[in-house]
Amino acid sequence: MKANLKILIIGDVTSPRGVEHLKSNLWRVRRECGADFCVVNGENASFVTGISAELAEILLRAGADAITGGNHTMQNRAAYTFMDDTREMLRPINFGDSAAGRGYTILDANGYRILVINAMGCVHIEPTLDSPYPHIDRALEREAGNYDFSVLDFHAEATGEKLAIAHAYDGKISVIFGTHTHVQTADEQILPLGTGYITDVGMCGESGGILGMDKDCIIERMKTRLPNKYRAASGTPIANCALFTLDEKTGRITAVKRFSF
């Protein structure tokens, strides 16, 4: 086993072109940065309508070890069977047990057992779900002794809510990262008890727009307050990421680096 385990996180995939960008580049980037494990938030891979089974399969072949979700994940009912059958595919745990799929999974990374949890916030985001705390607590308690390290994707709008989760689980979860806003934050850090954290990893999709969408479309909606069809931006795809280095002896994060490709 390596002395350090490197975990690569990719921000929200916003479109099929974002999926193609990872298909063309993710394995190369993993080799270059020495990533042992990779989590991709794919909740918008089908562009505003969740993620399809076909696009999820492409992401897994492209180098994602786990795919996490968010508020749009459950919109694509055609993917429910795939979510039920595929342990690498997650949706927020606080959708509850009646929802298709699962909110956490345990996967292998170079002989280590990685617990990956996906949860969603409750502030300024729809649908409004139960508090994530008891769901996360139950997952940690249920799987105690069954994993070596842990990762939490907290899909939320409010930065304060993300920071609260981070401090609540500092030292209990190895890596905590935020998704949903599509804007990479500059606050990557190691919390006092050794958890690696970033408020939002960013996005993977077309550049030159607004959060991956055509800027003129969004500006028109803002000006008129009238609905119009969302369109993807037309710029060159870019992937925002964060790389966490974990000391396997202590279980603490020793470095966090954000970058894009």
C-alpha atoms as a PDB file:
ATOM      1  CA  MET A   1       0.000   0.000   0.000  1.00  0.00           C
ATOM      2  CA  LYS A   2       1.075   3.580  -0.671  1.00  0.00           C
ATOM      3  CA  ALA A   3       1.891   5.862   2.255  1.00  0.00           C
ATOM      4  CA  ASN A   4      -0.536   8.413   0.879  1.00  0.00           C
ATOM      5  CA  LEU A   5      -3.898   7.969  -0.796  1.00  0.00           C
ATOM      6  CA  LYS A   6      -4.917  10.619  -3.328  1.00  0.00           C
ATOM      7  CA  ILE A   7      -8.611  11.300  -3.878  1.00  0.00           C
ATOM      8  CA  LEU A   8      -9.682  13.343  -6.903  1.00  0.00           C
ATOM      9  CA  ILE A   9     -13.025  15.155  -6.894  1.00  0.00           C
ATOM     10  CA  ILE A  10     -14.712  16.536 -10.038  1.00  0.00           C
ATOM     11  CA  GLY A  11     -17.413  19.229  -9.781  1.00  0.00           C
ATOM     12  CA  ASP A  12     -20.948  18.983 -11.181  1.00  0.00           C
ATOM     13  CA  VAL A  13     -21.039  17.654 -14.740  1.00  0.00           C
ATOM     14  CA  THR A  14     -23.460  20.035 -16.447  1.00  0.00           C
ATOM     15  CA  SER A  15     -23.978  18.509 -19.901  1.00  0.00           C
ATOM     16  CA  PRO A  16     -23.166  15.621 -22.258  1.00  0.00           C
ATOM     17  CA  ARG A  17     -20.201  17.661 -23.531  1.00  0.00           C
ATOM     18  CA  GLY A  18     -18.870  17.659 -19.983  1.00  0.00           C
ATOM     19  CA  VAL A  19     -19.151  13.871 -19.993  1.00  0.00           C
ATOM     20  CA  GLU A  20     -17.217  13.737 -23.276  1.00  0.00           C
ATOM     21  CA  HIS A  21     -14.562  16.030 -21.810  1.00  0.00           C
ATOM     22  CA  LEU A  22     -13.999  13.580 -18.960  1.00  0.00           C
ATOM     23  CA  LYS A  23     -14.075  10.638 -21.356  1.00  0.00           C
ATOM     24  CA  SER A  24     -11.205  12.244 -23.280  1.00  0.00           C
ATOM     25  CA  ASN A  25      -9.129  13.487 -20.367  1.00  0.00           C
ATOM     26  CA  LEU A  26      -9.913  11.972 -16.961  1.00  0.00           C
ATOM     27  CA  TRP A  27      -7.651   8.914 -17.076  1.00  0.00           C
ATOM     28  CA  ARG A  28      -4.747  11.108 -18.245  1.00  0.00           C
ATOM     29  CA  VAL A  29      -5.345  13.569 -15.396  1.00  0.00           C
ATOM     30  CA  ARG A  30      -5.602  10.723 -12.890  1.00  0.00           C
ATOM     31  CA  ARG A  31      -2.208   9.415 -14.011  1.00  0.00           C
ATOM     32  CA  GLU A  32      -0.600  12.853 -13.932  1.00  0.00           C
ATOM     33  CA  CYS A  33      -1.775  13.688 -10.404  1.00  0.00           C
ATOM     34  CA  GLY A  34      -1.479  10.134  -9.074  1.00  0.00           C
ATOM     35  CA  ALA A  35      -5.141   9.867  -8.067  1.00  0.00           C
ATOM     36  CA  ASP A  36      -6.068   6.516  -6.522  1.00  0.00           C
ATOM     37  CA  PHE A  37      -9.788   7.208  -6.319  1.00  0.00           C
ATOM     38  CA  CYS A  38     -12.100   9.589  -8.157  1.00  0.00           C
ATOM     39  CA  VAL A  39     -15.574  10.906  -7.328  1.00  0.00           C
ATOM     40  CA  VAL A  40     -17.546  12.762 -10.005  1.00  0.00           C
ATOM     41  CA  ASN A  41     -20.759  14.647  -9.283  1.00  0.00           C
ATOM     42  CA  GLY A  42     -22.859  13.763 -12.348  1.00  0.00           C
ATOM     43  CA  GLU A  43     -26.278  15.007 -11.257  1.00  0.00           C
ATOM     44  CA  ASN A  44     -26.753  17.271 -14.277  1.00  0.00           C
ATOM     45  CA  ALA A  45     -24.958  15.251 -16.954  1.00  0.00           C
ATOM     46  CA  SER A  46     -28.080  15.160 -19.120  1.00  0.00           C
ATOM     47  CA  PHE A  47     -28.320  18.990 -18.831  1.00  0.00           C
ATOM     48  CA  VAL A  48     -30.925  20.062 -16.243  1.00  0.00           C
ATOM     49  CA  THR A  49     -32.745  16.728 -16.470  1.00  0.00           C
ATOM     50  CA  GLY A  50     -30.600  14.576 -14.202  1.00  0.00           C
ATOM     51  CA  ILE A  51     -28.360  11.808 -15.494  1.00  0.00           C
ATOM     52  CA  SER A  52     -29.068   8.902 -17.801  1.00  0.00           C
ATOM     53  CA  ALA A  53     -27.815   5.355 -17.342  1.00  0.00           C
ATOM     54  CA  GLU A  54     -25.880   5.682 -20.600  1.00  0.00           C
ATOM     55  CA  LEU A  55     -24.012   8.807 -19.482  1.00  0.00           C
ATOM     56  CA  ALA A  56     -23.350   7.306 -16.057  1.00  0.00           C
ATOM     57  CA  GLU A  57     -21.780   4.256 -17.686  1.00  0.00           C
ATOM     58  CA  ILE A  58     -19.545   6.515 -19.791  1.00  0.00           C
ATOM     59  CA  LEU A  59     -18.391   8.358 -16.659  1.00  0.00           C
ATOM     60  CA  LEU A  60     -17.547   5.092 -14.913  1.00  0.00           C
ATOM     61  CA  ARG A  61     -15.532   3.881 -17.901  1.00  0.00           C
ATOM     62  CA  ALA A  62     -13.902   7.318 -18.181  1.00  0.00           C
ATOM     63  CA  GLY A  63     -12.320   7.055 -14.723  1.00  0.00           C
ATOM     64  CA  ALA A  64     -14.986   7.826 -12.129  1.00  0.00           C
ATOM     65  CA  ASP A  65     -14.970   5.323  -9.255  1.00  0.00           C
ATOM     66  CA  ALA A  66     -18.156   6.821  -7.819  1.00  0.00           C
ATOM     67  CA  ILE A  67     -20.824   9.145  -9.218  1.00  0.00           C
ATOM     68  CA  THR A  68     -22.688  11.369  -6.789  1.00  0.00           C
ATOM     69  CA  GLY A  69     -25.923  13.261  -7.352  1.00  0.00           C
ATOM     70  CA  GLY A  70     -27.991  16.217  -6.234  1.00  0.00           C
ATOM     71  CA  ASN A  71     -31.322  17.954  -6.588  1.00  0.00           C
ATOM     72  CA  HIS A  72     -31.761  16.999 -10.269  1.00  0.00           C
ATOM     73  CA  THR A  73     -30.715  13.343  -9.988  1.00  0.00           C
ATOM     74  CA  MET A  74     -34.193  11.909  -9.417  1.00  0.00           C
ATOM     75  CA  GLN A  75     -35.712  13.743 -12.407  1.00  0.00           C
ATOM     76  CA  ASN A  76     -34.728  10.982 -14.834  1.00  0.00           C
ATOM     77  CA  ARG A  77     -36.996   8.073 -13.907  1.00  0.00           C
ATOM     78  CA  ALA A  78     -35.509   5.993 -16.720  1.00  0.00           C
ATOM     79  CA  ALA A  79     -32.284   5.801 -14.700  1.00  0.00           C
ATOM     80  CA  TYR A  80     -33.909   4.441 -11.523  1.00  0.00           C
ATOM     81  CA  THR A  81     -33.224   0.779 -12.317  1.00  0.00           C
ATOM     82  CA  PHE A  82     -29.592   1.585 -13.097  1.00  0.00           C
ATOM     83  CA  MET A  83     -29.334   3.440  -9.769  1.00  0.00           C
ATOM     84  CA  ASP A  84     -30.789   0.448  -7.932  1.00  0.00           C
ATOM     85  CA  ASP A  85     -28.388  -1.968  -9.629  1.00  0.00           C
ATOM     86  CA  THR A  86     -25.167   0.076  -9.601  1.00  0.00           C
ATOM     87  CA  ARG A  87     -23.392   0.581  -6.295  1.00  0.00           C
ATOM     88  CA  GLU A  88     -21.066   3.201  -7.796  1.00  0.00           C
ATOM     89  CA  MET A  89     -24.046   5.505  -8.515  1.00  0.00           C
ATOM     90  CA  LEU A  90     -25.426   7.586  -5.640  1.00  0.00           C
ATOM     91  CA  ARG A  91     -28.210  10.049  -4.940  1.00  0.00           C
ATOM     92  CA  PRO A  92     -28.570  12.230  -1.817  1.00  0.00           C
ATOM     93  CA  ILE A  93     -29.087  10.029   1.214  1.00  0.00           C
ATOM     94  CA  ASN A  94     -31.810  12.263   2.646  1.00  0.00           C
ATOM     95  CA  PHE A  95     -34.193  11.497  -0.213  1.00  0.00           C
ATOM     96  CA  GLY A  96     -35.009   8.572   2.085  1.00  0.00           C
ATOM     97  CA  ASP A  97     -35.257   4.816   1.788  1.00  0.00           C
ATOM     98  CA  SER A  98     -38.327   4.928  -0.474  1.00  0.00           C
ATOM     99  CA  ALA A  99     -36.338   6.587  -3.280  1.00  0.00           C
ATOM    100  CA  ALA A 100     -34.577   4.576  -5.957  1.00  0.00           C
ATOM    101  CA  GLY A 101     -30.856   4.055  -5.556  1.00  0.00           C
ATOM    102  CA  ARG A 102     -28.706   4.519  -2.482  1.00  0.00           C
ATOM    103  CA  GLY A 103     -27.207   7.398  -0.522  1.00  0.00           C
ATOM    104  CA  TYR A 104     -23.883   5.796   0.287  1.00  0.00           C
ATOM    105  CA  THR A 105     -21.601   3.015  -0.860  1.00  0.00           C
ATOM    106  CA  ILE A 106     -18.284   1.395   0.056  1.00  0.00           C
ATOM    107  CA  LEU A 107     -15.738   0.974  -2.743  1.00  0.00           C
ATOM    108  CA  ASP A 108     -12.132  -0.183  -3.038  1.00  0.00           C
ATOM    109  CA  ALA A 109      -9.116   2.066  -3.616  1.00  0.00           C
ATOM    110  CA  ASN A 110      -5.757   0.293  -3.669  1.00  0.00           C
ATOM    111  CA  GLY A 111      -6.841  -2.096  -0.936  1.00  0.00           C
ATOM    112  CA  TYR A 112      -8.543   0.552   1.194  1.00  0.00           C
ATOM    113  CA  ARG A 113     -12.291   0.603   1.774  1.00  0.00           C
ATOM    114  CA  ILE A 114     -13.723   4.039   0.950  1.00  0.00           C
ATOM    115  CA  LEU A 115     -17.138   5.001   2.308  1.00  0.00           C
ATOM    116  CA  VAL A 116     -18.722   7.544  -0.069  1.00  0.00           C
ATOM    117  CA  ILE A 117     -21.777   9.428   1.200  1.00  0.00           C
ATOM    118  CA  ASN A 118     -23.958  11.794  -0.820  1.00  0.00           C
ATOM    119  CA  ALA A 119     -26.217  14.257   1.036  1.00  0.00           C
ATOM    120  CA  MET A 120     -28.199  17.367   0.147  1.00  0.00           C
ATOM    121  CA  GLY A 121     -28.742  20.630   1.967  1.00  0.00           C
ATOM    122  CA  CYS A 122     -32.048  22.211   2.978  1.00  0.00           C
ATOM    123  CA  VAL A 123     -31.378  25.965   2.598  1.00  0.00           C
ATOM    124  CA  HIS A 124     -32.462  27.740  -0.633  1.00  0.00           C
ATOM    125  CA  ILE A 125     -32.619  24.486  -2.604  1.00  0.00           C
ATOM    126  CA  GLU A 126     -35.445  22.344  -3.904  1.00  0.00           C
ATOM    127  CA  PRO A 127     -36.822  19.828  -3.303  1.00  0.00           C
ATOM    128  CA  THR A 128     -36.764  20.420   0.446  1.00  0.00           C
ATOM    129  CA  LEU A 129     -35.526  17.242   2.091  1.00  0.00           C
ATOM    130  CA  ASP A 130     -35.110  16.045   5.666  1.00  0.00           C
ATOM    131  CA  SER A 131     -32.132  17.274   7.630  1.00  0.00           C
ATOM    132  CA  PRO A 132     -29.034  15.459   6.360  1.00  0.00           C
ATOM    133  CA  TYR A 133     -27.478  15.040   9.819  1.00  0.00           C
ATOM    134  CA  PRO A 134     -29.406  11.993  11.090  1.00  0.00           C
ATOM    135  CA  HIS A 135     -29.018  10.269   7.717  1.00  0.00           C
ATOM    136  CA  ILE A 136     -25.251  10.806   7.719  1.00  0.00           C
ATOM    137  CA  ASP A 137     -25.014   9.738  11.362  1.00  0.00           C
ATOM    138  CA  ARG A 138     -26.894   6.507  10.692  1.00  0.00           C
ATOM    139  CA  ALA A 139     -24.649   5.657   7.724  1.00  0.00           C
ATOM    140  CA  LEU A 140     -21.495   6.210   9.798  1.00  0.00           C
ATOM    141  CA  GLU A 141     -22.864   4.154  12.685  1.00  0.00           C
ATOM    142  CA  ARG A 142     -24.207   1.349  10.478  1.00  0.00           C
ATOM    143  CA  GLU A 143     -20.914   0.933   8.617  1.00  0.00           C
ATOM    144  CA  ALA A 144     -18.534   1.436  11.552  1.00  0.00           C
ATOM    145  CA  GLY A 145     -15.650  -0.997  11.122  1.00  0.00           C
ATOM    146  CA  ASN A 146     -16.515  -1.688   7.486  1.00  0.00           C
ATOM    147  CA  TYR A 147     -14.488   1.140   5.926  1.00  0.00           C
ATOM    148  CA  ASP A 148     -11.066   2.727   6.260  1.00  0.00           C
ATOM    149  CA  PHE A 149     -11.661   6.280   5.014  1.00  0.00           C
ATOM    150  CA  SER A 150     -14.704   8.329   4.082  1.00  0.00           C
ATOM    151  CA  VAL A 151     -15.821  10.971   1.605  1.00  0.00           C
ATOM    152  CA  LEU A 152     -18.925  13.199   1.710  1.00  0.00           C
ATOM    153  CA  ASP A 153     -20.389  15.103  -1.230  1.00  0.00           C
ATOM    154  CA  PHE A 154     -22.666  17.741   0.305  1.00  0.00           C
ATOM    155  CA  HIS A 155     -24.853  19.138  -2.470  1.00  0.00           C
ATOM    156  CA  ALA A 156     -26.085  22.495  -1.165  1.00  0.00           C
ATOM    157  CA  GLU A 157     -26.615  26.138  -2.073  1.00  0.00           C
ATOM    158  CA  ALA A 158     -25.750  27.979   1.134  1.00  0.00           C
ATOM    159  CA  THR A 159     -22.083  28.274   2.034  1.00  0.00           C
ATOM    160  CA  GLY A 160     -22.934  28.522   5.739  1.00  0.00           C
ATOM    161  CA  GLU A 161     -24.785  25.224   5.599  1.00  0.00           C
ATOM    162  CA  LYS A 162     -21.796  23.588   3.921  1.00  0.00           C
ATOM    163  CA  LEU A 163     -19.381  24.954   6.519  1.00  0.00           C
ATOM    164  CA  ALA A 164     -21.644  23.750   9.329  1.00  0.00           C
ATOM    165  CA  ILE A 165     -21.603  20.216   7.940  1.00  0.00           C
ATOM    166  CA  ALA A 166     -17.822  20.412   7.568  1.00  0.00           C
ATOM    167  CA  HIS A 167     -17.228  21.400  11.191  1.00  0.00           C
ATOM    168  CA  ALA A 168     -19.833  18.958  12.490  1.00  0.00           C
ATOM    169  CA  TYR A 169     -17.998  16.051  10.855  1.00  0.00           C
ATOM    170  CA  ASP A 170     -14.408  17.287  11.151  1.00  0.00           C
ATOM    171  CA  GLY A 171     -12.324  14.289  12.184  1.00  0.00           C
ATOM    172  CA  LYS A 172     -15.223  11.908  11.497  1.00  0.00           C
ATOM    173  CA  ILE A 173     -15.173  12.070   7.675  1.00  0.00           C
ATOM    174  CA  SER A 174     -11.876  12.227   5.773  1.00  0.00           C
ATOM    175  CA  VAL A 175     -12.948  14.456   2.857  1.00  0.00           C
ATOM    176  CA  ILE A 176     -15.935  16.804   2.704  1.00  0.00           C
ATOM    177  CA  PHE A 177     -16.616  18.728  -0.468  1.00  0.00           C
ATOM    178  CA  GLY A 178     -19.507  20.885  -1.622  1.00  0.00           C
ATOM    179  CA  THR A 179     -21.262  20.801  -4.977  1.00  0.00           C
ATOM    180  CA  HIS A 180     -24.241  22.519  -6.658  1.00  0.00           C
ATOM    181  CA  THR A 181     -23.211  26.159  -7.205  1.00  0.00           C
ATOM    182  CA  HIS A 182     -20.974  25.368 -10.239  1.00  0.00           C
ATOM    183  CA  VAL A 183     -18.474  27.972  -8.978  1.00  0.00           C
ATOM    184  CA  GLN A 184     -15.160  26.748  -7.578  1.00  0.00           C
ATOM    185  CA  THR A 185     -14.431  28.366  -4.228  1.00  0.00           C
ATOM    186  CA  ALA A 186     -10.983  29.433  -3.049  1.00  0.00           C
ATOM    187  CA  ASP A 187     -11.283  28.072   0.491  1.00  0.00           C
ATOM    188  CA  GLU A 188      -9.691  24.644   0.205  1.00  0.00           C
ATOM    189  CA  GLN A 189      -8.362  23.772   3.651  1.00  0.00           C
ATOM    190  CA  ILE A 190      -7.550  21.174   6.270  1.00  0.00           C
ATOM    191  CA  LEU A 191      -9.865  21.513   9.252  1.00  0.00           C
ATOM    192  CA  PRO A 192      -8.504  21.328  12.835  1.00  0.00           C
ATOM    193  CA  LEU A 193      -9.180  17.597  13.308  1.00  0.00           C
ATOM    194  CA  GLY A 194      -7.752  16.582   9.928  1.00  0.00           C
ATOM    195  CA  THR A 195     -10.684  16.625   7.508  1.00  0.00           C
ATOM    196  CA  GLY A 196      -9.993  18.035   4.038  1.00  0.00           C
ATOM    197  CA  TYR A 197     -12.613  20.518   2.856  1.00  0.00           C
ATOM    198  CA  ILE A 198     -13.683  22.814   0.022  1.00  0.00           C
ATOM    199  CA  THR A 199     -17.021  24.657  -0.067  1.00  0.00           C
ATOM    200  CA  ASP A 200     -17.626  23.978  -3.772  1.00  0.00           C
ATOM    201  CA  VAL A 201     -15.528  22.059  -6.271  1.00  0.00           C
ATOM    202  CA  GLY A 202     -17.081  23.842  -9.260  1.00  0.00           C
ATOM    203  CA  MET A 203     -18.365  22.291 -12.484  1.00  0.00           C
ATOM    204  CA  CYS A 204     -17.466  20.277 -15.559  1.00  0.00           C
ATOM    205  CA  GLY A 205     -19.043  21.590 -18.730  1.00  0.00           C
ATOM    206  CA  GLU A 206     -18.983  24.319 -21.334  1.00  0.00           C
ATOM    207  CA  SER A 207     -17.125  27.501 -20.410  1.00  0.00           C
ATOM    208  CA  GLY A 208     -18.027  31.047 -21.430  1.00  0.00           C
ATOM    209  CA  GLY A 209     -21.573  30.975 -20.099  1.00  0.00           C
ATOM    210  CA  ILE A 210     -23.281  31.300 -16.730  1.00  0.00           C
ATOM    211  CA  LEU A 211     -22.842  28.148 -14.622  1.00  0.00           C
ATOM    212  CA  GLY A 212     -22.511  26.119 -17.812  1.00  0.00           C
ATOM    213  CA  MET A 213     -25.555  27.647 -19.501  1.00  0.00           C
ATOM    214  CA  ASP A 214     -25.861  30.102 -22.384  1.00  0.00           C
ATOM    215  CA  LYS A 215     -25.420  33.583 -20.948  1.00  0.00           C
ATOM    216  CA  ASP A 216     -27.999  35.290 -23.195  1.00  0.00           C
ATOM    217  CA  CYS A 217     -30.636  32.780 -22.148  1.00  0.00           C
ATOM    218  CA  ILE A 218     -29.975  33.397 -18.459  1.00  0.00           C
ATOM    219  CA  ILE A 219     -29.811  37.184 -18.828  1.00  0.00           C
ATOM    220  CA  GLU A 220     -33.165  37.166 -20.641  1.00  0.00           C
ATOM    221  CA  ARG A 221     -34.737  35.157 -17.819  1.00  0.00           C
ATOM    222  CA  MET A 222     -33.313  37.566 -15.251  1.00  0.00           C
ATOM    223  CA  LYS A 223     -34.521  40.651 -17.114  1.00  0.00           C
ATOM    224  CA  THR A 224     -38.025  39.506 -18.052  1.00  0.00           C
ATOM    225  CA  ARG A 225     -38.770  36.979 -15.282  1.00  0.00           C
ATOM    226  CA  LEU A 226     -40.371  34.903 -18.042  1.00  0.00           C
ATOM    227  CA  PRO A 227     -39.565  31.246 -18.679  1.00  0.00           C
ATOM    228  CA  ASN A 228     -37.497  30.278 -21.693  1.00  0.00           C
ATOM    229  CA  LYS A 229     -35.657  27.130 -22.622  1.00  0.00           C
ATOM    230  CA  TYR A 230     -32.266  26.597 -21.048  1.00  0.00           C
ATOM    231  CA  ARG A 231     -29.387  26.183 -23.493  1.00  0.00           C
ATOM    232  CA  ALA A 232     -25.879  24.939 -22.803  1.00  0.00           C
ATOM    233  CA  ALA A 233     -23.017  27.395 -23.149  1.00  0.00           C
ATOM    234  CA  SER A 234     -20.908  27.052 -26.291  1.00  0.00           C
ATOM    235  CA  GLY A 235     -17.370  27.485 -24.980  1.00  0.00           C
ATOM    236  CA  THR A 236     -14.594  24.935 -24.600  1.00  0.00           C
ATOM    237  CA  PRO A 237     -15.425  22.385 -21.870  1.00  0.00           C
ATOM    238  CA  ILE A 238     -13.531  22.684 -18.597  1.00  0.00           C
ATOM    239  CA  ALA A 239     -13.471  20.518 -15.478  1.00  0.00           C
ATOM    240  CA  ASN A 240     -12.976  22.022 -12.012  1.00  0.00           C
ATOM    241  CA  CYS A 241     -11.412  19.622  -9.504  1.00  0.00           C
ATOM    242  CA  ALA A 242      -9.878  19.211  -6.078  1.00  0.00           C
ATOM    243  CA  LEU A 243      -7.177  16.711  -5.118  1.00  0.00           C
ATOM    244  CA  PHE A 244      -6.964  15.528  -1.495  1.00  0.00           C
ATOM    245  CA  THR A 245      -3.891  13.744  -0.160  1.00  0.00           C
ATOM    246  CA  LEU A 246      -4.582  11.446   2.786  1.00  0.00           C
ATOM    247  CA  ASP A 247      -2.009   9.970   5.149  1.00  0.00           C
ATOM    248  CA  GLU A 248      -3.027   6.317   5.464  1.00  0.00           C
ATOM    249  CA  LYS A 249      -1.319   5.973   8.861  1.00  0.00           C
ATOM    250  CA  THR A 250      -3.120   8.845  10.589  1.00  0.00           C
ATOM    251  CA  GLY A 251      -6.233   9.086   8.430  1.00  0.00           C
ATOM    252  CA  ARG A 252      -5.721  12.850   8.224  1.00  0.00           C
ATOM    253  CA  ILE A 253      -5.612  14.937   5.068  1.00  0.00           C
ATOM    254  CA  THR A 254      -2.150  16.431   4.516  1.00  0.00           C
ATOM    255  CA  ALA A 255      -2.791  18.511   1.385  1.00  0.00           C
ATOM    256  CA  VAL A 256      -5.653  19.932  -0.677  1.00  0.00           C
ATOM    257  CA  LYS A 257      -5.136  21.305  -4.171  1.00  0.00           C
ATOM    258  CA  ARG A 258      -7.782  22.751  -6.472  1.00  0.00           C
ATOM    259  CA  PHE A 259      -7.208  22.960 -10.208  1.00  0.00           C
ATOM    260  CA  SER A 260      -8.950  22.717 -13.564  1.00  0.00           C
ATOM    261  CA  PHE A 261      -8.345  20.931 -16.862  1.00  0.00           C
END
